[in-house]
Amino acid sequence: MNPITDIGGQLIPGLGITISILLASALFSYLMAFIAGLCRLSKNVFLRKFTGLYVEVFRGTSLIVQLFWFVYAIPILFGVNLGSNWSIGVIAIGLNYGAYLSEVVRSSILAVAPGQSEAATALNMTSFQKMRLVIFPQAVRMMLPEFANYTIQMLKGTALVSLISLNDVLYYGNILRSSNLSYAPLIYIVVLIIYFLLALPLILFSRKAEKIAKKGVAN
């Protein structure tokens, strides 16, 4: 049997975990990004400070440490069970990348030309209407490339869940390597290929998103 085919077949069972972690953490991070990004623009000082603390803590510390903190430190210190390691992986990755993406949301909204808001005010729009109908649609187009790029980063970040004993692609690769040391280079080449193939649709989407952002019009 072809060694690459054999190795790939033994890594395939980990695809389910890798893809499910990516999809769930991506959705969670997008939600956190919009919540935190909008809160950072709020007139409420408490909301701005609280979300600012969240953003700086999760951007300023390692995702690996955050994973270990959620798995080991929080249950011991506070007696709080955050669920399965799958849930913890989603929470940690989602909160981490949500912090980065919240800055994309905030900066994109601020990047909308002030004249747009002034024109909406002249049309007697409420603040909510201005945000929903004028500012937000333009800001979202500017967010798309960065959201796509961070989703690619998130895919690569999912490999860290193997450190908390989740059976993802890298976990199976490490198990296979431990029993076949001579095949270690080939095993990790196949792992790289799998991650690249998973990232390829996201890479293509990021290029499309850049074109949409440059045109300023969603196709």
N, C-alpha and C. Protein backbone atom coordinates (compact mmCIF):
# COMPACT_ATOMS: atom_id res chain seq x y z
N MET A 1 0.84 -1.20 0.00
CA MET A 1 0.00 0.00 0.00
C MET A 1 0.87 1.24 0.00
N ASN A 2 0.42 2.30 -0.68
CA ASN A 2 1.13 3.58 -0.71
C ASN A 2 1.20 4.16 0.71
N PRO A 3 2.42 4.48 1.20
CA PRO A 3 2.53 5.00 2.58
C PRO A 3 1.70 6.26 2.81
N ILE A 4 1.64 7.16 1.83
CA ILE A 4 0.89 8.40 1.99
C ILE A 4 -0.61 8.10 2.13
N THR A 5 -1.10 7.20 1.29
CA THR A 5 -2.51 6.81 1.38
C THR A 5 -2.82 6.15 2.71
N ASP A 6 -1.89 5.30 3.17
CA ASP A 6 -2.07 4.61 4.45
C ASP A 6 -2.09 5.61 5.60
N ILE A 7 -1.15 6.55 5.58
CA ILE A 7 -1.09 7.56 6.64
C ILE A 7 -2.33 8.45 6.61
N GLY A 8 -2.70 8.87 5.40
CA GLY A 8 -3.89 9.72 5.28
C GLY A 8 -5.13 9.04 5.81
N GLY A 9 -5.26 7.73 5.54
CA GLY A 9 -6.41 6.99 6.02
C GLY A 9 -6.49 6.95 7.53
N GLN A 10 -5.32 6.94 8.19
CA GLN A 10 -5.30 6.89 9.65
C GLN A 10 -5.49 8.26 10.29
N LEU A 11 -5.32 9.31 9.50
CA LEU A 11 -5.53 10.66 10.01
C LEU A 11 -6.97 11.15 9.80
N ILE A 12 -7.66 10.57 8.83
CA ILE A 12 -9.02 11.00 8.48
C ILE A 12 -9.98 11.03 9.67
N PRO A 13 -9.92 10.05 10.60
CA PRO A 13 -10.86 10.10 11.74
C PRO A 13 -10.78 11.40 12.54
N GLY A 14 -9.65 12.09 12.49
CA GLY A 14 -9.51 13.35 13.23
C GLY A 14 -10.14 14.54 12.54
N LEU A 15 -10.55 14.37 11.27
CA LEU A 15 -11.12 15.50 10.53
C LEU A 15 -12.41 16.01 11.17
N GLY A 16 -13.22 15.09 11.69
CA GLY A 16 -14.49 15.49 12.28
C GLY A 16 -14.30 16.48 13.42
N ILE A 17 -13.34 16.19 14.31
CA ILE A 17 -13.06 17.08 15.44
C ILE A 17 -12.51 18.41 14.94
N THR A 18 -11.55 18.35 14.02
CA THR A 18 -10.93 19.57 13.51
C THR A 18 -11.96 20.50 12.88
N ILE A 19 -12.81 19.95 12.01
CA ILE A 19 -13.81 20.76 11.31
C ILE A 19 -14.89 21.27 12.27
N SER A 20 -15.34 20.40 13.18
CA SER A 20 -16.40 20.83 14.11
C SER A 20 -15.89 21.92 15.05
N ILE A 21 -14.65 21.78 15.53
CA ILE A 21 -14.06 22.82 16.38
C ILE A 21 -13.95 24.13 15.61
N LEU A 22 -13.51 24.05 14.36
CA LEU A 22 -13.36 25.27 13.54
C LEU A 22 -14.71 25.96 13.35
N LEU A 23 -15.73 25.22 12.94
CA LEU A 23 -17.04 25.82 12.66
C LEU A 23 -17.64 26.44 13.93
N ALA A 24 -17.61 25.68 15.02
CA ALA A 24 -18.22 26.18 16.26
C ALA A 24 -17.45 27.38 16.83
N SER A 25 -16.13 27.30 16.85
CA SER A 25 -15.34 28.41 17.40
C SER A 25 -15.40 29.63 16.49
N ALA A 26 -15.51 29.42 15.18
CA ALA A 26 -15.63 30.56 14.26
C ALA A 26 -16.94 31.30 14.52
N LEU A 27 -18.04 30.57 14.63
CA LEU A 27 -19.33 31.22 14.90
C LEU A 27 -19.31 31.95 16.25
N PHE A 28 -18.72 31.31 17.25
CA PHE A 28 -18.65 31.93 18.58
C PHE A 28 -17.76 33.17 18.55
N SER A 29 -16.64 33.10 17.83
CA SER A 29 -15.74 34.25 17.76
C SER A 29 -16.38 35.42 17.02
N TYR A 30 -17.15 35.12 15.95
CA TYR A 30 -17.84 36.19 15.23
C TYR A 30 -18.85 36.89 16.16
N LEU A 31 -19.59 36.08 16.92
CA LEU A 31 -20.56 36.65 17.86
C LEU A 31 -19.87 37.54 18.88
N MET A 32 -18.77 37.04 19.47
CA MET A 32 -18.03 37.82 20.46
C MET A 32 -17.43 39.08 19.82
N ALA A 33 -17.01 38.97 18.57
CA ALA A 33 -16.40 40.11 17.88
C ALA A 33 -17.39 41.26 17.75
N PHE A 34 -18.61 40.95 17.32
CA PHE A 34 -19.61 42.01 17.14
C PHE A 34 -20.08 42.57 18.48
N ILE A 35 -20.25 41.69 19.47
CA ILE A 35 -20.66 42.17 20.79
C ILE A 35 -19.60 43.09 21.38
N ALA A 36 -18.35 42.60 21.41
CA ALA A 36 -17.27 43.38 22.02
C ALA A 36 -16.94 44.62 21.20
N GLY A 37 -16.95 44.47 19.86
CA GLY A 37 -16.64 45.62 19.00
C GLY A 37 -17.63 46.75 19.18
N LEU A 38 -18.92 46.42 19.24
CA LEU A 38 -19.95 47.44 19.43
C LEU A 38 -19.91 48.01 20.84
N CYS A 39 -19.63 47.15 21.82
CA CYS A 39 -19.52 47.64 23.20
C CYS A 39 -18.36 48.61 23.37
N ARG A 40 -17.27 48.38 22.60
CA ARG A 40 -16.13 49.30 22.68
C ARG A 40 -16.47 50.69 22.15
N LEU A 41 -17.55 50.77 21.38
CA LEU A 41 -17.99 52.06 20.83
C LEU A 41 -19.14 52.66 21.62
N SER A 42 -19.56 51.95 22.67
CA SER A 42 -20.69 52.41 23.48
C SER A 42 -20.34 53.68 24.27
N LYS A 43 -21.36 54.45 24.58
CA LYS A 43 -21.17 55.63 25.42
C LYS A 43 -21.09 55.24 26.90
N ASN A 44 -21.45 54.01 27.20
CA ASN A 44 -21.40 53.51 28.57
C ASN A 44 -19.95 53.18 28.95
N VAL A 45 -19.43 53.89 29.93
CA VAL A 45 -18.02 53.72 30.32
C VAL A 45 -17.75 52.31 30.83
N PHE A 46 -18.69 51.76 31.61
CA PHE A 46 -18.49 50.41 32.16
C PHE A 46 -18.36 49.40 31.03
N LEU A 47 -19.23 49.46 30.03
CA LEU A 47 -19.17 48.53 28.91
C LEU A 47 -17.85 48.66 28.17
N ARG A 48 -17.41 49.89 27.93
CA ARG A 48 -16.14 50.12 27.21
C ARG A 48 -14.96 49.55 27.98
N LYS A 49 -14.93 49.79 29.29
CA LYS A 49 -13.81 49.32 30.11
C LYS A 49 -13.82 47.80 30.23
N PHE A 50 -15.02 47.23 30.44
CA PHE A 50 -15.12 45.79 30.63
C PHE A 50 -14.70 45.04 29.36
N THR A 51 -15.24 45.47 28.21
CA THR A 51 -14.88 44.81 26.96
C THR A 51 -13.42 45.09 26.59
N GLY A 52 -12.94 46.27 26.95
CA GLY A 52 -11.52 46.58 26.72
C GLY A 52 -10.61 45.65 27.49
N LEU A 53 -11.00 45.33 28.74
CA LEU A 53 -10.23 44.39 29.55
C LEU A 53 -10.23 43.01 28.92
N TYR A 54 -11.42 42.56 28.48
CA TYR A 54 -11.53 41.26 27.80
C TYR A 54 -10.61 41.19 26.59
N VAL A 55 -10.66 42.22 25.76
CA VAL A 55 -9.87 42.23 24.52
C VAL A 55 -8.38 42.17 24.84
N GLU A 56 -7.94 43.00 25.77
CA GLU A 56 -6.50 43.06 26.06
C GLU A 56 -5.99 41.78 26.73
N VAL A 57 -6.80 41.18 27.60
CA VAL A 57 -6.38 39.94 28.27
C VAL A 57 -6.23 38.81 27.25
N PHE A 58 -7.22 38.65 26.39
CA PHE A 58 -7.19 37.52 25.45
C PHE A 58 -6.24 37.77 24.28
N ARG A 59 -6.00 39.02 23.94
CA ARG A 59 -4.99 39.29 22.90
C ARG A 59 -3.58 39.23 23.47
N GLY A 60 -3.45 39.51 24.75
CA GLY A 60 -2.13 39.62 25.35
C GLY A 60 -1.60 38.36 25.98
N THR A 61 -2.41 37.28 25.97
CA THR A 61 -1.94 36.02 26.55
C THR A 61 -2.03 34.91 25.50
N SER A 62 -1.28 33.85 25.74
CA SER A 62 -1.18 32.75 24.78
C SER A 62 -2.44 31.90 24.75
N LEU A 63 -2.84 31.48 23.56
CA LEU A 63 -4.00 30.60 23.41
C LEU A 63 -3.75 29.26 24.11
N ILE A 64 -2.52 28.77 24.08
CA ILE A 64 -2.20 27.50 24.76
C ILE A 64 -2.45 27.64 26.26
N VAL A 65 -1.98 28.75 26.83
CA VAL A 65 -2.18 28.98 28.27
C VAL A 65 -3.67 29.11 28.58
N GLN A 66 -4.41 29.78 27.71
CA GLN A 66 -5.85 29.93 27.91
C GLN A 66 -6.54 28.57 27.90
N LEU A 67 -6.15 27.69 26.97
CA LEU A 67 -6.71 26.34 26.94
C LEU A 67 -6.46 25.60 28.26
N PHE A 68 -5.21 25.65 28.71
CA PHE A 68 -4.86 24.96 29.96
C PHE A 68 -5.58 25.60 31.15
N TRP A 69 -5.75 26.92 31.10
CA TRP A 69 -6.43 27.62 32.18
C TRP A 69 -7.88 27.14 32.29
N PHE A 70 -8.57 27.05 31.14
CA PHE A 70 -9.96 26.60 31.15
C PHE A 70 -10.10 25.14 31.54
N VAL A 71 -9.11 24.30 31.15
CA VAL A 71 -9.19 22.87 31.44
C VAL A 71 -8.82 22.57 32.88
N TYR A 72 -7.75 23.20 33.38
CA TYR A 72 -7.21 22.81 34.68
C TYR A 72 -7.40 23.86 35.78
N ALA A 73 -7.13 25.13 35.48
CA ALA A 73 -7.11 26.14 36.54
C ALA A 73 -8.51 26.52 37.04
N ILE A 74 -9.42 26.81 36.12
CA ILE A 74 -10.76 27.27 36.53
C ILE A 74 -11.50 26.22 37.37
N PRO A 75 -11.51 24.93 36.97
CA PRO A 75 -12.20 23.93 37.81
C PRO A 75 -11.62 23.83 39.22
N ILE A 76 -10.28 23.97 39.33
CA ILE A 76 -9.65 23.85 40.65
C ILE A 76 -9.89 25.10 41.49
N LEU A 77 -9.73 26.28 40.88
CA LEU A 77 -9.83 27.53 41.62
C LEU A 77 -11.26 27.91 41.96
N PHE A 78 -12.18 27.67 41.02
CA PHE A 78 -13.56 28.15 41.21
C PHE A 78 -14.59 27.03 41.26
N GLY A 79 -14.15 25.79 41.05
CA GLY A 79 -15.09 24.67 41.08
C GLY A 79 -16.11 24.71 39.96
N VAL A 80 -15.75 25.34 38.85
CA VAL A 80 -16.66 25.48 37.71
C VAL A 80 -16.26 24.49 36.62
N ASN A 81 -17.21 23.65 36.23
CA ASN A 81 -16.97 22.70 35.15
C ASN A 81 -17.50 23.28 33.85
N LEU A 82 -16.61 23.52 32.91
CA LEU A 82 -16.98 24.15 31.65
C LEU A 82 -17.44 23.15 30.59
N GLY A 83 -17.62 21.90 30.99
CA GLY A 83 -18.10 20.90 30.05
C GLY A 83 -16.98 20.04 29.50
N SER A 84 -17.23 19.46 28.36
CA SER A 84 -16.25 18.58 27.72
C SER A 84 -15.06 19.37 27.20
N ASN A 85 -13.98 18.66 26.91
CA ASN A 85 -12.81 19.32 26.32
C ASN A 85 -13.14 19.93 24.96
N TRP A 86 -14.10 19.33 24.24
CA TRP A 86 -14.53 19.92 22.96
C TRP A 86 -15.12 21.31 23.21
N SER A 87 -15.99 21.41 24.20
CA SER A 87 -16.60 22.71 24.53
C SER A 87 -15.56 23.71 24.97
N ILE A 88 -14.61 23.25 25.76
CA ILE A 88 -13.55 24.13 26.23
C ILE A 88 -12.69 24.63 25.07
N GLY A 89 -12.40 23.74 24.12
CA GLY A 89 -11.65 24.15 22.94
C GLY A 89 -12.37 25.23 22.17
N VAL A 90 -13.67 25.06 21.99
CA VAL A 90 -14.48 26.06 21.28
C VAL A 90 -14.49 27.39 22.03
N ILE A 91 -14.69 27.32 23.35
CA ILE A 91 -14.75 28.54 24.16
C ILE A 91 -13.42 29.30 24.10
N ALA A 92 -12.31 28.58 24.30
CA ALA A 92 -11.00 29.23 24.32
C ALA A 92 -10.65 29.85 22.97
N ILE A 93 -10.81 29.09 21.90
CA ILE A 93 -10.49 29.61 20.57
C ILE A 93 -11.44 30.75 20.20
N GLY A 94 -12.72 30.57 20.51
CA GLY A 94 -13.70 31.62 20.19
C GLY A 94 -13.43 32.92 20.92
N LEU A 95 -13.13 32.84 22.21
CA LEU A 95 -12.83 34.04 22.98
C LEU A 95 -11.54 34.70 22.52
N ASN A 96 -10.53 33.88 22.21
CA ASN A 96 -9.24 34.41 21.78
C ASN A 96 -9.37 35.17 20.46
N TYR A 97 -9.92 34.52 19.46
CA TYR A 97 -10.02 35.18 18.15
C TYR A 97 -11.14 36.22 18.12
N GLY A 98 -12.15 36.05 18.98
CA GLY A 98 -13.18 37.07 19.10
C GLY A 98 -12.59 38.40 19.56
N ALA A 99 -11.58 38.33 20.44
CA ALA A 99 -10.91 39.55 20.92
C ALA A 99 -10.20 40.26 19.76
N TYR A 100 -9.49 39.50 18.94
CA TYR A 100 -8.83 40.11 17.77
C TYR A 100 -9.85 40.68 16.79
N LEU A 101 -10.89 39.90 16.51
CA LEU A 101 -11.88 40.33 15.52
C LEU A 101 -12.70 41.50 16.00
N SER A 102 -12.84 41.67 17.32
CA SER A 102 -13.60 42.81 17.84
C SER A 102 -12.93 44.12 17.44
N GLU A 103 -11.61 44.12 17.35
CA GLU A 103 -10.89 45.31 16.91
C GLU A 103 -11.12 45.57 15.43
N VAL A 104 -11.31 44.49 14.65
CA VAL A 104 -11.65 44.65 13.23
C VAL A 104 -13.03 45.29 13.10
N VAL A 105 -13.99 44.82 13.92
CA VAL A 105 -15.34 45.39 13.90
C VAL A 105 -15.30 46.86 14.28
N ARG A 106 -14.62 47.16 15.37
CA ARG A 106 -14.56 48.54 15.87
C ARG A 106 -13.91 49.48 14.85
N SER A 107 -12.75 49.07 14.33
CA SER A 107 -12.02 49.94 13.40
C SER A 107 -12.76 50.10 12.08
N SER A 108 -13.48 49.06 11.64
CA SER A 108 -14.23 49.15 10.38
C SER A 108 -15.39 50.12 10.50
N ILE A 109 -16.07 50.08 11.65
CA ILE A 109 -17.18 51.01 11.87
C ILE A 109 -16.66 52.45 11.92
N LEU A 110 -15.53 52.64 12.60
CA LEU A 110 -14.95 53.99 12.69
C LEU A 110 -14.41 54.47 11.35
N ALA A 111 -14.11 53.52 10.45
CA ALA A 111 -13.54 53.89 9.15
C ALA A 111 -14.58 54.39 8.15
N VAL A 112 -15.85 54.18 8.45
CA VAL A 112 -16.91 54.68 7.56
C VAL A 112 -16.87 56.22 7.58
N ALA A 113 -16.90 56.79 6.43
CA ALA A 113 -16.76 58.26 6.31
C ALA A 113 -17.79 58.99 7.16
N PRO A 114 -17.38 60.00 7.94
CA PRO A 114 -18.32 60.75 8.78
C PRO A 114 -19.47 61.36 8.00
N GLY A 115 -19.20 61.68 6.73
CA GLY A 115 -20.25 62.27 5.91
C GLY A 115 -21.46 61.37 5.75
N GLN A 116 -21.23 60.05 5.80
CA GLN A 116 -22.33 59.09 5.69
C GLN A 116 -23.29 59.24 6.88
N SER A 117 -22.73 59.38 8.05
CA SER A 117 -23.54 59.55 9.26
C SER A 117 -24.25 60.89 9.24
N GLU A 118 -23.55 61.92 8.77
CA GLU A 118 -24.15 63.25 8.71
C GLU A 118 -25.32 63.28 7.73
N ALA A 119 -25.16 62.57 6.61
CA ALA A 119 -26.24 62.51 5.63
C ALA A 119 -27.45 61.78 6.20
N ALA A 120 -27.20 60.70 6.96
CA ALA A 120 -28.29 59.95 7.58
C ALA A 120 -29.02 60.81 8.61
N THR A 121 -28.25 61.62 9.35
CA THR A 121 -28.86 62.53 10.33
C THR A 121 -29.74 63.55 9.63
N ALA A 122 -29.27 64.02 8.49
CA ALA A 122 -30.04 65.00 7.72
C ALA A 122 -31.36 64.42 7.23
N LEU A 123 -31.38 63.09 7.07
CA LEU A 123 -32.61 62.40 6.64
C LEU A 123 -33.49 62.00 7.83
N ASN A 124 -33.14 62.52 9.01
CA ASN A 124 -33.90 62.27 10.25
C ASN A 124 -33.90 60.79 10.66
N MET A 125 -32.82 60.09 10.37
CA MET A 125 -32.71 58.70 10.82
C MET A 125 -32.33 58.67 12.30
N THR A 126 -32.84 57.67 13.01
CA THR A 126 -32.42 57.47 14.40
C THR A 126 -31.02 56.87 14.42
N SER A 127 -30.41 56.83 15.60
CA SER A 127 -29.06 56.25 15.71
C SER A 127 -29.06 54.79 15.29
N PHE A 128 -30.11 54.06 15.66
CA PHE A 128 -30.21 52.65 15.29
C PHE A 128 -30.35 52.51 13.77
N GLN A 129 -31.16 53.36 13.16
CA GLN A 129 -31.34 53.30 11.71
C GLN A 129 -30.04 53.64 10.99
N LYS A 130 -29.33 54.62 11.49
CA LYS A 130 -28.04 54.99 10.87
C LYS A 130 -27.07 53.82 10.89
N MET A 131 -27.01 53.15 12.06
CA MET A 131 -26.09 52.02 12.18
C MET A 131 -26.53 50.87 11.28
N ARG A 132 -27.82 50.55 11.31
CA ARG A 132 -28.32 49.37 10.58
C ARG A 132 -28.34 49.57 9.07
N LEU A 133 -28.71 50.76 8.62
CA LEU A 133 -28.93 50.98 7.19
C LEU A 133 -27.77 51.64 6.46
N VAL A 134 -26.96 52.39 7.19
CA VAL A 134 -25.91 53.18 6.52
C VAL A 134 -24.51 52.71 6.90
N ILE A 135 -24.21 52.75 8.19
CA ILE A 135 -22.83 52.49 8.64
C ILE A 135 -22.49 51.01 8.59
N PHE A 136 -23.35 50.17 9.17
CA PHE A 136 -23.03 48.75 9.31
C PHE A 136 -22.80 48.03 7.98
N PRO A 137 -23.68 48.23 6.97
CA PRO A 137 -23.44 47.54 5.69
C PRO A 137 -22.09 47.88 5.06
N GLN A 138 -21.67 49.13 5.18
CA GLN A 138 -20.37 49.53 4.63
C GLN A 138 -19.23 48.95 5.46
N ALA A 139 -19.41 48.95 6.77
CA ALA A 139 -18.37 48.42 7.66
C ALA A 139 -18.17 46.93 7.44
N VAL A 140 -19.27 46.19 7.24
CA VAL A 140 -19.18 44.73 7.06
C VAL A 140 -18.33 44.40 5.84
N ARG A 141 -18.49 45.16 4.74
CA ARG A 141 -17.68 44.90 3.55
C ARG A 141 -16.20 45.09 3.84
N MET A 142 -15.88 46.06 4.69
CA MET A 142 -14.47 46.27 5.05
C MET A 142 -13.96 45.18 5.99
N MET A 143 -14.88 44.58 6.77
CA MET A 143 -14.48 43.53 7.71
C MET A 143 -14.16 42.21 7.01
N LEU A 144 -14.80 41.94 5.88
CA LEU A 144 -14.75 40.62 5.26
C LEU A 144 -13.33 40.06 5.08
N PRO A 145 -12.38 40.83 4.50
CA PRO A 145 -11.04 40.25 4.31
C PRO A 145 -10.38 39.82 5.61
N GLU A 146 -10.50 40.66 6.66
CA GLU A 146 -9.87 40.32 7.93
C GLU A 146 -10.57 39.14 8.61
N PHE A 147 -11.88 39.08 8.48
CA PHE A 147 -12.61 37.94 9.04
C PHE A 147 -12.16 36.65 8.36
N ALA A 148 -11.99 36.69 7.05
CA ALA A 148 -11.53 35.50 6.31
C ALA A 148 -10.12 35.12 6.74
N ASN A 149 -9.23 36.11 6.87
CA ASN A 149 -7.85 35.82 7.26
C ASN A 149 -7.77 35.25 8.68
N TYR A 150 -8.55 35.81 9.59
CA TYR A 150 -8.54 35.29 10.96
C TYR A 150 -9.17 33.90 11.06
N THR A 151 -10.10 33.60 10.16
CA THR A 151 -10.68 32.25 10.15
C THR A 151 -9.63 31.23 9.73
N ILE A 152 -8.76 31.62 8.80
CA ILE A 152 -7.65 30.74 8.42
C ILE A 152 -6.72 30.53 9.62
N GLN A 153 -6.45 31.61 10.35
CA GLN A 153 -5.63 31.49 11.56
C GLN A 153 -6.30 30.58 12.59
N MET A 154 -7.63 30.69 12.66
CA MET A 154 -8.39 29.87 13.60
C MET A 154 -8.26 28.39 13.26
N LEU A 155 -8.31 28.09 11.96
CA LEU A 155 -8.14 26.69 11.53
C LEU A 155 -6.81 26.15 12.03
N LYS A 156 -5.76 26.93 11.88
CA LYS A 156 -4.44 26.49 12.35
C LYS A 156 -4.41 26.40 13.88
N GLY A 157 -5.17 27.29 14.53
CA GLY A 157 -5.22 27.26 15.99
C GLY A 157 -5.92 26.03 16.53
N THR A 158 -6.79 25.41 15.72
CA THR A 158 -7.49 24.21 16.20
C THR A 158 -6.52 23.07 16.49
N ALA A 159 -5.33 23.11 15.88
CA ALA A 159 -4.35 22.05 16.13
C ALA A 159 -3.95 21.98 17.60
N LEU A 160 -4.13 23.09 18.32
CA LEU A 160 -3.74 23.12 19.73
C LEU A 160 -4.65 22.26 20.61
N VAL A 161 -5.85 21.93 20.11
CA VAL A 161 -6.75 21.13 20.95
C VAL A 161 -6.22 19.72 21.17
N SER A 162 -5.24 19.31 20.36
CA SER A 162 -4.63 18.00 20.58
C SER A 162 -3.91 17.97 21.94
N LEU A 163 -3.55 19.16 22.46
CA LEU A 163 -2.86 19.24 23.75
C LEU A 163 -3.79 18.98 24.92
N ILE A 164 -5.12 19.08 24.67
CA ILE A 164 -6.07 18.77 25.74
C ILE A 164 -6.81 17.47 25.41
N SER A 165 -6.11 16.61 24.68
CA SER A 165 -6.56 15.23 24.41
C SER A 165 -7.80 15.13 23.53
N LEU A 166 -7.98 16.07 22.63
CA LEU A 166 -9.04 15.94 21.64
C LEU A 166 -8.48 15.24 20.41
N ASN A 167 -9.23 14.31 19.86
CA ASN A 167 -8.73 13.47 18.78
C ASN A 167 -8.86 14.13 17.41
N ASP A 168 -8.12 15.23 17.23
CA ASP A 168 -8.14 15.92 15.94
C ASP A 168 -7.08 15.33 15.02
N VAL A 169 -6.88 15.96 13.88
CA VAL A 169 -5.91 15.45 12.89
C VAL A 169 -4.51 15.37 13.47
N LEU A 170 -4.08 16.41 14.16
CA LEU A 170 -2.72 16.41 14.72
C LEU A 170 -2.57 15.36 15.81
N TYR A 171 -3.62 15.14 16.60
CA TYR A 171 -3.58 14.12 17.64
C TYR A 171 -3.30 12.75 17.03
N TYR A 172 -4.02 12.41 15.98
CA TYR A 172 -3.80 11.12 15.31
C TYR A 172 -2.42 11.08 14.66
N GLY A 173 -1.96 12.23 14.16
CA GLY A 173 -0.61 12.28 13.59
C GLY A 173 0.45 12.00 14.63
N ASN A 174 0.29 12.58 15.82
CA ASN A 174 1.25 12.34 16.90
C ASN A 174 1.24 10.89 17.36
N ILE A 175 0.03 10.30 17.45
CA ILE A 175 -0.08 8.89 17.84
C ILE A 175 0.62 8.00 16.81
N LEU A 176 0.38 8.29 15.54
CA LEU A 176 0.99 7.50 14.46
C LEU A 176 2.51 7.66 14.45
N ARG A 177 2.97 8.87 14.70
CA ARG A 177 4.41 9.12 14.73
C ARG A 177 5.10 8.40 15.89
N SER A 178 4.41 8.33 17.04
CA SER A 178 5.01 7.68 18.21
C SER A 178 5.23 6.19 17.99
N SER A 179 4.45 5.60 17.10
CA SER A 179 4.61 4.17 16.83
C SER A 179 5.38 3.89 15.53
N ASN A 180 5.67 4.96 14.78
CA ASN A 180 6.42 4.81 13.52
C ASN A 180 7.37 5.98 13.35
N LEU A 181 8.41 6.03 14.19
CA LEU A 181 9.31 7.18 14.19
C LEU A 181 9.98 7.42 12.84
N SER A 182 10.27 6.37 12.10
CA SER A 182 10.93 6.53 10.81
C SER A 182 10.04 7.23 9.79
N TYR A 183 8.72 7.18 10.03
CA TYR A 183 7.77 7.82 9.12
C TYR A 183 7.38 9.24 9.56
N ALA A 184 8.02 9.73 10.63
CA ALA A 184 7.64 11.04 11.19
C ALA A 184 7.61 12.16 10.14
N PRO A 185 8.67 12.32 9.30
CA PRO A 185 8.61 13.40 8.30
C PRO A 185 7.43 13.26 7.35
N LEU A 186 7.18 12.04 6.90
CA LEU A 186 6.09 11.81 5.96
C LEU A 186 4.74 12.04 6.63
N ILE A 187 4.63 11.63 7.88
CA ILE A 187 3.37 11.83 8.61
C ILE A 187 3.03 13.32 8.70
N TYR A 188 4.03 14.12 9.07
CA TYR A 188 3.74 15.55 9.24
C TYR A 188 3.59 16.27 7.90
N ILE A 189 4.16 15.72 6.84
CA ILE A 189 3.90 16.26 5.50
C ILE A 189 2.43 16.06 5.14
N VAL A 190 1.92 14.86 5.43
CA VAL A 190 0.50 14.58 5.16
C VAL A 190 -0.40 15.45 6.02
N VAL A 191 -0.02 15.66 7.29
CA VAL A 191 -0.79 16.55 8.18
C VAL A 191 -0.83 17.97 7.59
N LEU A 192 0.32 18.45 7.11
CA LEU A 192 0.37 19.78 6.49
C LEU A 192 -0.54 19.86 5.27
N ILE A 193 -0.51 18.82 4.46
CA ILE A 193 -1.35 18.79 3.26
C ILE A 193 -2.83 18.85 3.63
N ILE A 194 -3.22 18.10 4.67
CA ILE A 194 -4.62 18.09 5.10
C ILE A 194 -5.05 19.48 5.55
N TYR A 195 -4.21 20.13 6.36
CA TYR A 195 -4.55 21.48 6.84
C TYR A 195 -4.60 22.48 5.67
N PHE A 196 -3.70 22.31 4.71
CA PHE A 196 -3.72 23.21 3.55
C PHE A 196 -4.99 23.04 2.74
N LEU A 197 -5.41 21.78 2.54
CA LEU A 197 -6.63 21.52 1.78
C LEU A 197 -7.85 22.07 2.51
N LEU A 198 -7.85 22.00 3.84
CA LEU A 198 -8.94 22.58 4.61
C LEU A 198 -8.94 24.11 4.52
N ALA A 199 -7.74 24.69 4.45
CA ALA A 199 -7.62 26.15 4.41
C ALA A 199 -7.88 26.72 3.02
N LEU A 200 -7.73 25.90 1.98
CA LEU A 200 -7.82 26.39 0.60
C LEU A 200 -9.13 27.12 0.31
N PRO A 201 -10.30 26.59 0.67
CA PRO A 201 -11.54 27.36 0.41
C PRO A 201 -11.55 28.70 1.13
N LEU A 202 -10.97 28.75 2.34
CA LEU A 202 -10.92 30.00 3.09
C LEU A 202 -9.97 30.99 2.43
N ILE A 203 -8.87 30.47 1.87
CA ILE A 203 -7.91 31.33 1.16
C ILE A 203 -8.58 31.95 -0.06
N LEU A 204 -9.31 31.13 -0.81
CA LEU A 204 -10.01 31.63 -2.00
C LEU A 204 -11.07 32.65 -1.61
N PHE A 205 -11.78 32.37 -0.50
CA PHE A 205 -12.80 33.32 -0.05
C PHE A 205 -12.17 34.64 0.37
N SER A 206 -11.00 34.58 1.02
CA SER A 206 -10.34 35.81 1.46
C SER A 206 -9.97 36.69 0.27
N ARG A 207 -9.56 36.06 -0.84
CA ARG A 207 -9.25 36.83 -2.05
C ARG A 207 -10.50 37.47 -2.62
N LYS A 208 -11.60 36.72 -2.61
CA LYS A 208 -12.88 37.26 -3.07
C LYS A 208 -13.31 38.41 -2.17
N ALA A 209 -13.13 38.24 -0.87
CA ALA A 209 -13.52 39.27 0.09
C ALA A 209 -12.73 40.55 -0.12
N GLU A 210 -11.45 40.42 -0.46
CA GLU A 210 -10.64 41.60 -0.73
C GLU A 210 -11.16 42.37 -1.93
N LYS A 211 -11.61 41.65 -2.96
CA LYS A 211 -12.17 42.32 -4.14
C LYS A 211 -13.47 43.04 -3.79
N ILE A 212 -14.29 42.37 -2.98
CA ILE A 212 -15.55 43.00 -2.56
C ILE A 212 -15.28 44.27 -1.76
N ALA A 213 -14.30 44.19 -0.84
CA ALA A 213 -13.97 45.35 -0.01
C ALA A 213 -13.44 46.51 -0.85
N LYS A 214 -12.61 46.18 -1.88
CA LYS A 214 -12.05 47.23 -2.72
C LYS A 214 -13.12 47.91 -3.56
N LYS A 215 -14.06 47.11 -4.06
CA LYS A 215 -15.14 47.69 -4.86
C LYS A 215 -16.13 48.46 -4.02
N GLY A 216 -16.24 47.98 -2.74
CA GLY A 216 -17.22 48.61 -1.86
C GLY A 216 -18.64 48.19 -2.16
N VAL A 217 -18.75 47.14 -3.01
CA VAL A 217 -20.09 46.66 -3.39
C VAL A 217 -20.09 45.15 -3.28
N ALA A 218 -21.05 44.59 -2.55
CA ALA A 218 -21.15 43.13 -2.42
C ALA A 218 -21.71 42.55 -3.69
N ASN A 219 -21.03 41.53 -4.26
CA ASN A 219 -21.50 40.88 -5.49
C ASN A 219 -22.45 39.75 -5.14
